[in-house]
């Protein structure tokens, strides 16, 4: 791999990680909003319905985290090549 290809790969990874961080902020504000709607409409003793959208959004956020931070390690062609050569990076 030459430097230009590595830079393109690193740029894609950087964009995915920045998007994940942005999604975390959006996740926080959406959950705060839904919790506020729940609190002011039902009070603290009503059924806590915001847990369902929170769980769904958390699942999507977990998938995005895996794609941004872990997928390049799990699906690395270089690691597989090194394993085949007997030079495992683990």
PDB file of N, CA and C in Angstrom:
ATOM      1  N   UNK A   1       0.843  -1.181   0.000  1.00  0.00           N
ATOM      2  CA  UNK A   1       0.000   0.000   0.000  1.00  0.00           C
ATOM      3  C   UNK A   1       0.886   1.243   0.000  1.00  0.00           C
ATOM      4  N   UNK A   2       0.593   2.167  -0.860  1.00  0.00           N
ATOM      5  CA  UNK A   2       1.383   3.389  -0.852  1.00  0.00           C
ATOM      6  C   UNK A   2       0.770   4.409   0.111  1.00  0.00           C
ATOM      7  N   UNK A   3       1.472   5.508   0.302  1.00  0.00           N
ATOM      8  CA  UNK A   3       1.048   6.518   1.283  1.00  0.00           C
ATOM      9  C   UNK A   3      -0.296   7.142   0.935  1.00  0.00           C
ATOM     10  N   UNK A   4      -0.572   7.337  -0.348  1.00  0.00           N
ATOM     11  CA  UNK A   4      -1.838   7.959  -0.742  1.00  0.00           C
ATOM     12  C   UNK A   4      -3.016   7.049  -0.385  1.00  0.00           C
ATOM     13  N   UNK A   5      -2.874   5.751  -0.605  1.00  0.00           N
ATOM     14  CA  UNK A   5      -3.951   4.818  -0.251  1.00  0.00           C
ATOM     15  C   UNK A   5      -4.136   4.780   1.259  1.00  0.00           C
ATOM     16  N   UNK A   6      -3.038   4.768   2.005  1.00  0.00           N
ATOM     17  CA  UNK A   6      -3.138   4.789   3.470  1.00  0.00           C
ATOM     18  C   UNK A   6      -3.815   6.057   3.953  1.00  0.00           C
ATOM     19  N   UNK A   7      -3.466   7.197   3.346  1.00  0.00           N
ATOM     20  CA  UNK A   7      -4.095   8.458   3.739  1.00  0.00           C
ATOM     21  C   UNK A   7      -5.595   8.442   3.457  1.00  0.00           C
ATOM     22  N   UNK A   8      -6.001   7.863   2.345  1.00  0.00           N
ATOM     23  CA  UNK A   8      -7.432   7.778   2.032  1.00  0.00           C
ATOM     24  C   UNK A   8      -8.146   6.896   3.049  1.00  0.00           C
ATOM     25  N   UNK A   9      -7.526   5.797   3.424  1.00  0.00           N
ATOM     26  CA  UNK A   9      -8.123   4.908   4.423  1.00  0.00           C
ATOM     27  C   UNK A   9      -8.213   5.618   5.764  1.00  0.00           C
ATOM     28  N   UNK A  10      -7.145   6.294   6.155  1.00  0.00           N
ATOM     29  CA  UNK A  10      -7.155   7.027   7.427  1.00  0.00           C
ATOM     30  C   UNK A  10      -8.196   8.141   7.410  1.00  0.00           C
ATOM     31  N   UNK A  11      -8.362   8.798   6.262  1.00  0.00           N
ATOM     32  CA  UNK A  11      -9.366   9.857   6.147  1.00  0.00           C
ATOM     33  C   UNK A  11     -10.771   9.278   6.324  1.00  0.00           C
ATOM     34  N   UNK A  12     -11.045   8.113   5.734  1.00  0.00           N
ATOM     35  CA  UNK A  12     -12.357   7.471   5.904  1.00  0.00           C
ATOM     36  C   UNK A  12     -12.597   7.111   7.369  1.00  0.00           C
ATOM     37  N   UNK A  13     -11.581   6.570   8.026  1.00  0.00           N
ATOM     38  CA  UNK A  13     -11.711   6.207   9.439  1.00  0.00           C
ATOM     39  C   UNK A  13     -11.958   7.452  10.278  1.00  0.00           C
ATOM     40  N   UNK A  14     -11.219   8.529  10.002  1.00  0.00           N
ATOM     41  CA  UNK A  14     -11.390   9.778  10.745  1.00  0.00           C
ATOM     42  C   UNK A  14     -12.798  10.329  10.568  1.00  0.00           C
ATOM     43  N   UNK A  15     -13.335  10.262   9.346  1.00  0.00           N
ATOM     44  CA  UNK A  15     -14.697  10.750   9.104  1.00  0.00           C
ATOM     45  C   UNK A  15     -15.722   9.912   9.869  1.00  0.00           C
ATOM     46  N   UNK A  16     -15.523   8.583   9.899  1.00  0.00           N
ATOM     47  CA  UNK A  16     -16.449   7.713  10.635  1.00  0.00           C
ATOM     48  C   UNK A  16     -16.413   8.021  12.124  1.00  0.00           C
ATOM     49  N   UNK A  17     -15.220   8.256  12.655  1.00  0.00           N
ATOM     50  CA  UNK A  17     -15.103   8.546  14.092  1.00  0.00           C
ATOM     51  C   UNK A  17     -15.703   9.894  14.443  1.00  0.00           C
ATOM     52  N   UNK A  18     -15.524  10.877  13.579  1.00  0.00           N
ATOM     53  CA  UNK A  18     -16.130  12.189  13.821  1.00  0.00           C
ATOM     54  C   UNK A  18     -17.651  12.097  13.757  1.00  0.00           C
ATOM     55  N   UNK A  19     -18.169  11.311  12.823  1.00  0.00           N
ATOM     56  CA  UNK A  19     -19.624  11.129  12.714  1.00  0.00           C
ATOM     57  C   UNK A  19     -20.164  10.409  13.948  1.00  0.00           C
ATOM     58  N   UNK A  20     -19.403   9.447  14.477  1.00  0.00           N
ATOM     59  CA  UNK A  20     -19.838   8.758  15.683  1.00  0.00           C
ATOM     60  C   UNK A  20     -19.930   9.727  16.858  1.00  0.00           C
ATOM     61  N   UNK A  21     -18.933  10.584  17.019  1.00  0.00           N
ATOM     62  CA  UNK A  21     -18.956  11.561  18.119  1.00  0.00           C
ATOM     63  C   UNK A  21     -20.144  12.510  17.983  1.00  0.00           C
ATOM     64  N   UNK A  22     -20.449  12.910  16.757  1.00  0.00           N
ATOM     65  CA  UNK A  22     -21.605  13.767  16.516  1.00  0.00           C
ATOM     66  C   UNK A  22     -22.894  13.019  16.868  1.00  0.00           C
ATOM     67  N   UNK A  23     -22.956  11.754  16.532  1.00  0.00           N
ATOM     68  CA  UNK A  23     -24.140  10.953  16.847  1.00  0.00           C
ATOM     69  C   UNK A  23     -24.330  10.800  18.349  1.00  0.00           C
ATOM     70  N   UNK A  24     -23.235  10.736  19.097  1.00  0.00           N
ATOM     71  CA  UNK A  24     -23.342  10.653  20.563  1.00  0.00           C
ATOM     72  C   UNK A  24     -23.995  11.909  21.134  1.00  0.00           C
ATOM     73  N   UNK A  25     -23.615  13.060  20.600  1.00  0.00           N
ATOM     74  CA  UNK A  25     -24.216  14.317  21.062  1.00  0.00           C
ATOM     75  C   UNK A  25     -25.702  14.355  20.711  1.00  0.00           C
ATOM     76  N   UNK A  26     -26.030  13.959  19.482  1.00  0.00           N
ATOM     77  CA  UNK A  26     -27.430  13.926  19.056  1.00  0.00           C
ATOM     78  C   UNK A  26     -28.224  12.950  19.914  1.00  0.00           C
ATOM     79  N   UNK A  27     -27.645  11.784  20.208  1.00  0.00           N
ATOM     80  CA  UNK A  27     -28.280  10.776  21.066  1.00  0.00           C
ATOM     81  C   UNK A  27     -28.613  11.376  22.434  1.00  0.00           C
ATOM     82  N   UNK A  28     -27.668  12.102  23.013  1.00  0.00           N
ATOM     83  CA  UNK A  28     -27.899  12.718  24.320  1.00  0.00           C
ATOM     84  C   UNK A  28     -29.064  13.708  24.266  1.00  0.00           C
ATOM     85  N   UNK A  29     -29.070  14.581  23.268  1.00  0.00           N
ATOM     86  CA  UNK A  29     -30.125  15.601  23.206  1.00  0.00           C
ATOM     87  C   UNK A  29     -31.496  15.000  22.895  1.00  0.00           C
ATOM     88  N   UNK A  30     -31.546  14.003  22.036  1.00  0.00           N
ATOM     89  CA  UNK A  30     -32.829  13.355  21.749  1.00  0.00           C
ATOM     90  C   UNK A  30     -33.374  12.680  23.003  1.00  0.00           C
ATOM     91  N   UNK A  31     -32.501  11.976  23.726  1.00  0.00           N
ATOM     92  CA  UNK A  31     -32.949  11.307  24.946  1.00  0.00           C
ATOM     93  C   UNK A  31     -33.355  12.295  26.019  1.00  0.00           C
ATOM     94  N   UNK A  32     -32.642  13.402  26.123  1.00  0.00           N
ATOM     95  CA  UNK A  32     -33.027  14.437  27.085  1.00  0.00           C
ATOM     96  C   UNK A  32     -34.395  15.021  26.722  1.00  0.00           C
ATOM     97  N   UNK A  33     -34.617  15.250  25.436  1.00  0.00           N
ATOM     98  CA  UNK A  33     -35.906  15.771  24.993  1.00  0.00           C
ATOM     99  C   UNK A  33     -37.043  14.787  25.290  1.00  0.00           C
ATOM    100  N   UNK A  34     -36.846  13.513  24.939  1.00  0.00           N
ATOM    101  CA  UNK A  34     -37.889  12.514  25.195  1.00  0.00           C
ATOM    102  C   UNK A  34     -38.162  12.342  26.679  1.00  0.00           C
ATOM    103  N   UNK A  35     -37.105  12.390  27.488  1.00  0.00           N
ATOM    104  CA  UNK A  35     -37.298  12.287  28.935  1.00  0.00           C
ATOM    105  C   UNK A  35     -38.050  13.498  29.455  1.00  0.00           C
ATOM    106  N   UNK A  36     -37.766  14.670  28.912  1.00  0.00           N
ATOM    107  CA  UNK A  36     -38.505  15.873  29.307  1.00  0.00           C
ATOM    108  C   UNK A  36     -39.974  15.785  28.922  1.00  0.00           C
ATOM    109  N   UNK A  37     -40.261  15.293  27.736  1.00  0.00           N
ATOM    110  CA  UNK A  37     -41.662  15.120  27.314  1.00  0.00           C
ATOM    111  C   UNK A  37     -42.357  14.147  28.252  1.00  0.00           C
ATOM    112  N   UNK A  38     -41.695  13.047  28.559  1.00  0.00           N
ATOM    113  CA  UNK A  38     -42.276  12.062  29.479  1.00  0.00           C
ATOM    114  C   UNK A  38     -42.529  12.690  30.853  1.00  0.00           C
ATOM    115  N   UNK A  39     -41.544  13.391  31.384  1.00  0.00           N
ATOM    116  CA  UNK A  39     -41.652  13.943  32.729  1.00  0.00           C
ATOM    117  C   UNK A  39     -42.770  14.973  32.833  1.00  0.00           C
ATOM    118  N   UNK A  40     -42.853  15.861  31.839  1.00  0.00           N
ATOM    119  CA  UNK A  40     -43.857  16.921  31.925  1.00  0.00           C
ATOM    120  C   UNK A  40     -45.252  16.470  31.488  1.00  0.00           C
ATOM    121  N   UNK A  41     -45.349  15.337  30.810  1.00  0.00           N
ATOM    122  CA  UNK A  41     -46.675  14.867  30.419  1.00  0.00           C
ATOM    123  C   UNK A  41     -47.228  13.823  31.391  1.00  0.00           C
ATOM    124  N   UNK A  42     -46.377  12.985  31.952  1.00  0.00           N
ATOM    125  CA  UNK A  42     -46.855  11.908  32.817  1.00  0.00           C
ATOM    126  C   UNK A  42     -46.363  12.034  34.256  1.00  0.00           C
ATOM    127  N   UNK A  43     -45.341  12.809  34.468  1.00  0.00           N
ATOM    128  CA  UNK A  43     -44.762  12.916  35.796  1.00  0.00           C
ATOM    129  C   UNK A  43     -43.839  11.740  36.075  1.00  0.00           C
ATOM    130  N   UNK A  44     -43.122  11.818  37.174  1.00  0.00           N
ATOM    131  CA  UNK A  44     -42.140  10.765  37.462  1.00  0.00           C
ATOM    132  C   UNK A  44     -42.771   9.418  37.823  1.00  0.00           C
ATOM    133  N   UNK A  45     -44.081   9.359  37.985  1.00  0.00           N
ATOM    134  CA  UNK A  45     -44.718   8.102  38.379  1.00  0.00           C
ATOM    135  C   UNK A  45     -45.364   7.375  37.212  1.00  0.00           C
ATOM    136  N   UNK A  46     -45.354   7.975  36.044  1.00  0.00           N
ATOM    137  CA  UNK A  46     -45.934   7.334  34.864  1.00  0.00           C
ATOM    138  C   UNK A  46     -44.992   6.301  34.261  1.00  0.00           C
ATOM    139  N   UNK A  47     -45.521   5.558  33.306  1.00  0.00           N
ATOM    140  CA  UNK A  47     -44.729   4.540  32.623  1.00  0.00           C
ATOM    141  C   UNK A  47     -43.605   5.218  31.841  1.00  0.00           C
ATOM    142  N   UNK A  48     -42.386   4.778  32.034  1.00  0.00           N
ATOM    143  CA  UNK A  48     -41.220   5.398  31.385  1.00  0.00           C
ATOM    144  C   UNK A  48     -41.075   4.866  29.965  1.00  0.00           C
ATOM    145  N   UNK A  49     -41.882   5.391  29.055  1.00  0.00           N
ATOM    146  CA  UNK A  49     -41.867   4.949  27.667  1.00  0.00           C
ATOM    147  C   UNK A  49     -40.627   5.367  26.885  1.00  0.00           C
ATOM    148  N   UNK A  50     -39.877   6.411  27.287  1.00  0.00           N
ATOM    149  CA  UNK A  50     -38.698   6.767  26.492  1.00  0.00           C
ATOM    150  C   UNK A  50     -37.602   5.702  26.469  1.00  0.00           C
ATOM    151  N   UNK A  51     -37.718   4.685  27.324  1.00  0.00           N
ATOM    152  CA  UNK A  51     -36.674   3.655  27.314  1.00  0.00           C
ATOM    153  C   UNK A  51     -36.645   2.906  25.988  1.00  0.00           C
ATOM    154  N   UNK A  52     -37.775   2.780  25.308  1.00  0.00           N
ATOM    155  CA  UNK A  52     -37.806   2.043  24.050  1.00  0.00           C
ATOM    156  C   UNK A  52     -37.065   2.774  22.938  1.00  0.00           C
ATOM    157  N   UNK A  53     -37.329   4.068  22.705  1.00  0.00           N
ATOM    158  CA  UNK A  53     -36.505   4.749  21.694  1.00  0.00           C
ATOM    159  C   UNK A  53     -35.043   4.855  22.120  1.00  0.00           C
ATOM    160  N   UNK A  54     -34.793   4.969  23.436  1.00  0.00           N
ATOM    161  CA  UNK A  54     -33.406   5.015  23.915  1.00  0.00           C
ATOM    162  C   UNK A  54     -32.669   3.727  23.578  1.00  0.00           C
ATOM    163  N   UNK A  55     -33.331   2.596  23.775  1.00  0.00           N
ATOM    164  CA  UNK A  55     -32.702   1.310  23.470  1.00  0.00           C
ATOM    165  C   UNK A  55     -32.452   1.159  21.960  1.00  0.00           C
ATOM    166  N   UNK A  56     -33.415   1.559  21.156  1.00  0.00           N
ATOM    167  CA  UNK A  56     -33.245   1.480  19.711  1.00  0.00           C
ATOM    168  C   UNK A  56     -32.118   2.370  19.223  1.00  0.00           C
ATOM    169  N   UNK A  57     -32.068   3.595  19.735  1.00  0.00           N
ATOM    170  CA  UNK A  57     -30.992   4.507  19.349  1.00  0.00           C
ATOM    171  C   UNK A  57     -29.640   4.008  19.847  1.00  0.00           C
ATOM    172  N   UNK A  58     -29.619   3.418  21.044  1.00  0.00           N
ATOM    173  CA  UNK A  58     -28.372   2.878  21.588  1.00  0.00           C
ATOM    174  C   UNK A  58     -27.857   1.721  20.731  1.00  0.00           C
ATOM    175  N   UNK A  59     -28.757   0.907  20.226  1.00  0.00           N
ATOM    176  CA  UNK A  59     -28.359  -0.188  19.341  1.00  0.00           C
ATOM    177  C   UNK A  59     -27.710   0.359  18.071  1.00  0.00           C
ATOM    178  N   UNK A  60     -28.338   1.360  17.482  1.00  0.00           N
ATOM    179  CA  UNK A  60     -27.759   1.992  16.291  1.00  0.00           C
ATOM    180  C   UNK A  60     -26.420   2.645  16.587  1.00  0.00           C
ATOM    181  N   UNK A  61     -26.304   3.265  17.757  1.00  0.00           N
ATOM    182  CA  UNK A  61     -25.049   3.888  18.153  1.00  0.00           C
ATOM    183  C   UNK A  61     -23.956   2.843  18.368  1.00  0.00           C
ATOM    184  N   UNK A  62     -24.319   1.692  18.913  1.00  0.00           N
ATOM    185  CA  UNK A  62     -23.344   0.612  19.108  1.00  0.00           C
ATOM    186  C   UNK A  62     -22.837   0.094  17.762  1.00  0.00           C
ATOM    187  N   UNK A  63     -23.718  -0.024  16.800  1.00  0.00           N
ATOM    188  CA  UNK A  63     -23.302  -0.464  15.463  1.00  0.00           C
ATOM    189  C   UNK A  63     -22.364   0.573  14.837  1.00  0.00           C
ATOM    190  N   UNK A  64     -22.697   1.838  15.007  1.00  0.00           N
ATOM    191  CA  UNK A  64     -21.855   2.892  14.456  1.00  0.00           C
ATOM    192  C   UNK A  64     -20.492   2.920  15.158  1.00  0.00           C
ATOM    193  N   UNK A  65     -20.464   2.664  16.465  1.00  0.00           N
ATOM    194  CA  UNK A  65     -19.197   2.587  17.192  1.00  0.00           C
ATOM    195  C   UNK A  65     -18.331   1.460  16.641  1.00  0.00           C
ATOM    196  N   UNK A  66     -18.939   0.299  16.463  1.00  0.00           N
ATOM    197  CA  UNK A  66     -18.185  -0.841  15.944  1.00  0.00           C
ATOM    198  C   UNK A  66     -17.614  -0.527  14.565  1.00  0.00           C
ATOM    199  N   UNK A  67     -18.403   0.105  13.728  1.00  0.00           N
ATOM    200  CA  UNK A  67     -17.939   0.450  12.388  1.00  0.00           C
ATOM    201  C   UNK A  67     -16.798   1.464  12.435  1.00  0.00           C
ATOM    202  N   UNK A  68     -16.864   2.426  13.354  1.00  0.00           N
ATOM    203  CA  UNK A  68     -15.862   3.490  13.401  1.00  0.00           C
ATOM    204  C   UNK A  68     -14.574   3.076  14.098  1.00  0.00           C
ATOM    205  N   UNK A  69     -14.680   2.263  15.146  1.00  0.00           N
ATOM    206  CA  UNK A  69     -13.503   1.994  15.966  1.00  0.00           C
ATOM    207  C   UNK A  69     -12.987   0.557  15.897  1.00  0.00           C
ATOM    208  N   UNK A  70     -13.824  -0.390  15.621  1.00  0.00           N
ATOM    209  CA  UNK A  70     -13.397  -1.788  15.708  1.00  0.00           C
ATOM    210  C   UNK A  70     -13.335  -2.519  14.371  1.00  0.00           C
ATOM    211  N   UNK A  71     -14.087  -2.074  13.381  1.00  0.00           N
ATOM    212  CA  UNK A  71     -14.167  -2.843  12.144  1.00  0.00           C
ATOM    213  C   UNK A  71     -12.839  -2.884  11.398  1.00  0.00           C
ATOM    214  N   UNK A  72     -12.041  -1.825  11.501  1.00  0.00           N
ATOM    215  CA  UNK A  72     -10.761  -1.844  10.792  1.00  0.00           C
ATOM    216  C   UNK A  72      -9.785  -2.819  11.449  1.00  0.00           C
ATOM    217  N   UNK A  73     -10.005  -3.181  12.701  1.00  0.00           N
ATOM    218  CA  UNK A  73      -9.158  -4.169  13.370  1.00  0.00           C
ATOM    219  C   UNK A  73      -9.641  -5.583  13.079  1.00  0.00           C
ATOM    220  N   UNK A  74     -10.928  -5.767  13.076  1.00  0.00           N
ATOM    221  CA  UNK A  74     -11.500  -7.100  12.889  1.00  0.00           C
ATOM    222  C   UNK A  74     -11.359  -7.560  11.445  1.00  0.00           C
ATOM    223  N   UNK A  75     -11.592  -6.681  10.518  1.00  0.00           N
ATOM    224  CA  UNK A  75     -11.590  -7.040   9.109  1.00  0.00           C
ATOM    225  C   UNK A  75     -10.337  -6.536   8.385  1.00  0.00           C
ATOM    226  N   UNK A  76      -9.213  -6.522   9.068  1.00  0.00           N
ATOM    227  CA  UNK A  76      -7.981  -5.996   8.496  1.00  0.00           C
ATOM    228  C   UNK A  76      -7.316  -7.033   7.599  1.00  0.00           C
ATOM    229  N   UNK A  77      -7.118  -6.668   6.350  1.00  0.00           N
ATOM    230  CA  UNK A  77      -6.444  -7.564   5.409  1.00  0.00           C
ATOM    231  C   UNK A  77      -4.969  -7.717   5.777  1.00  0.00           C
ATOM    232  N   UNK A  78      -4.373  -6.651   6.308  1.00  0.00           N
ATOM    233  CA  UNK A  78      -2.961  -6.738   6.702  1.00  0.00           C
ATOM    234  C   UNK A  78      -2.754  -7.719   7.846  1.00  0.00           C
ATOM    235  N   UNK A  79      -3.659  -7.707   8.828  1.00  0.00           N
ATOM    236  CA  UNK A  79      -3.558  -8.660   9.936  1.00  0.00           C
ATOM    237  C   UNK A  79      -3.698 -10.096   9.446  1.00  0.00           C
ATOM    238  N   UNK A  80      -4.627 -10.308   8.543  1.00  0.00           N
ATOM    239  CA  UNK A  80      -4.804 -11.655   8.001  1.00  0.00           C
ATOM    240  C   UNK A  80      -3.567 -12.099   7.222  1.00  0.00           C
ATOM    241  N   UNK A  81      -2.997 -11.181   6.488  1.00  0.00           N
ATOM    242  CA  UNK A  81      -1.781 -11.492   5.730  1.00  0.00           C
ATOM    243  C   UNK A  81      -0.641 -11.851   6.681  1.00  0.00           C
ATOM    244  N   UNK A  82      -0.487 -11.063   7.756  1.00  0.00           N
ATOM    245  CA  UNK A  82       0.569 -11.346   8.727  1.00  0.00           C
ATOM    246  C   UNK A  82       0.351 -12.667   9.447  1.00  0.00           C
ATOM    247  N   UNK A  83      -0.903 -13.003   9.713  1.00  0.00           N
ATOM    248  CA  UNK A  83      -1.196 -14.299  10.339  1.00  0.00           C
ATOM    249  C   UNK A  83      -0.779 -15.437   9.421  1.00  0.00           C
ATOM    250  N   UNK A  84      -1.079 -15.269   8.156  1.00  0.00           N
ATOM    251  CA  UNK A  84      -0.723 -16.313   7.199  1.00  0.00           C
ATOM    252  C   UNK A  84       0.796 -16.448   7.066  1.00  0.00           C
ATOM    253  N   UNK A  85       1.498 -15.362   7.214  1.00  0.00           N
ATOM    254  CA  UNK A  85       2.954 -15.404   7.148  1.00  0.00           C
ATOM    255  C   UNK A  85       3.567 -15.874   8.463  1.00  0.00           C
ATOM    256  N   UNK A  86       2.750 -15.978   9.508  1.00  0.00           N
ATOM    257  CA  UNK A  86       3.261 -16.406  10.807  1.00  0.00           C
ATOM    258  C   UNK A  86       3.730 -15.257  11.679  1.00  0.00           C
ATOM    259  N   UNK A  87       3.346 -14.032  11.323  1.00  0.00           N
ATOM    260  CA  UNK A  87       3.721 -12.847  12.103  1.00  0.00           C
ATOM    261  C   UNK A  87       2.468 -12.192  12.642  1.00  0.00           C
ATOM    262  N   UNK A  88       1.815 -12.827  13.560  1.00  0.00           N
ATOM    263  CA  UNK A  88       0.563 -12.288  14.091  1.00  0.00           C
ATOM    264  C   UNK A  88       0.825 -10.992  14.832  1.00  0.00           C
ATOM    265  N   UNK A  89      -0.069 -10.006  14.632  1.00  0.00           N
ATOM    266  CA  UNK A  89       0.064  -8.711  15.308  1.00  0.00           C
ATOM    267  C   UNK A  89      -0.600  -8.714  16.671  1.00  0.00           C
ATOM    268  N   UNK A  90      -1.177  -9.809  17.066  1.00  0.00           N
ATOM    269  CA  UNK A  90      -1.849  -9.866  18.368  1.00  0.00           C
ATOM    270  C   UNK A  90      -0.883 -10.258  19.411  1.00  0.00           C
TER     271      UNK A  90
END
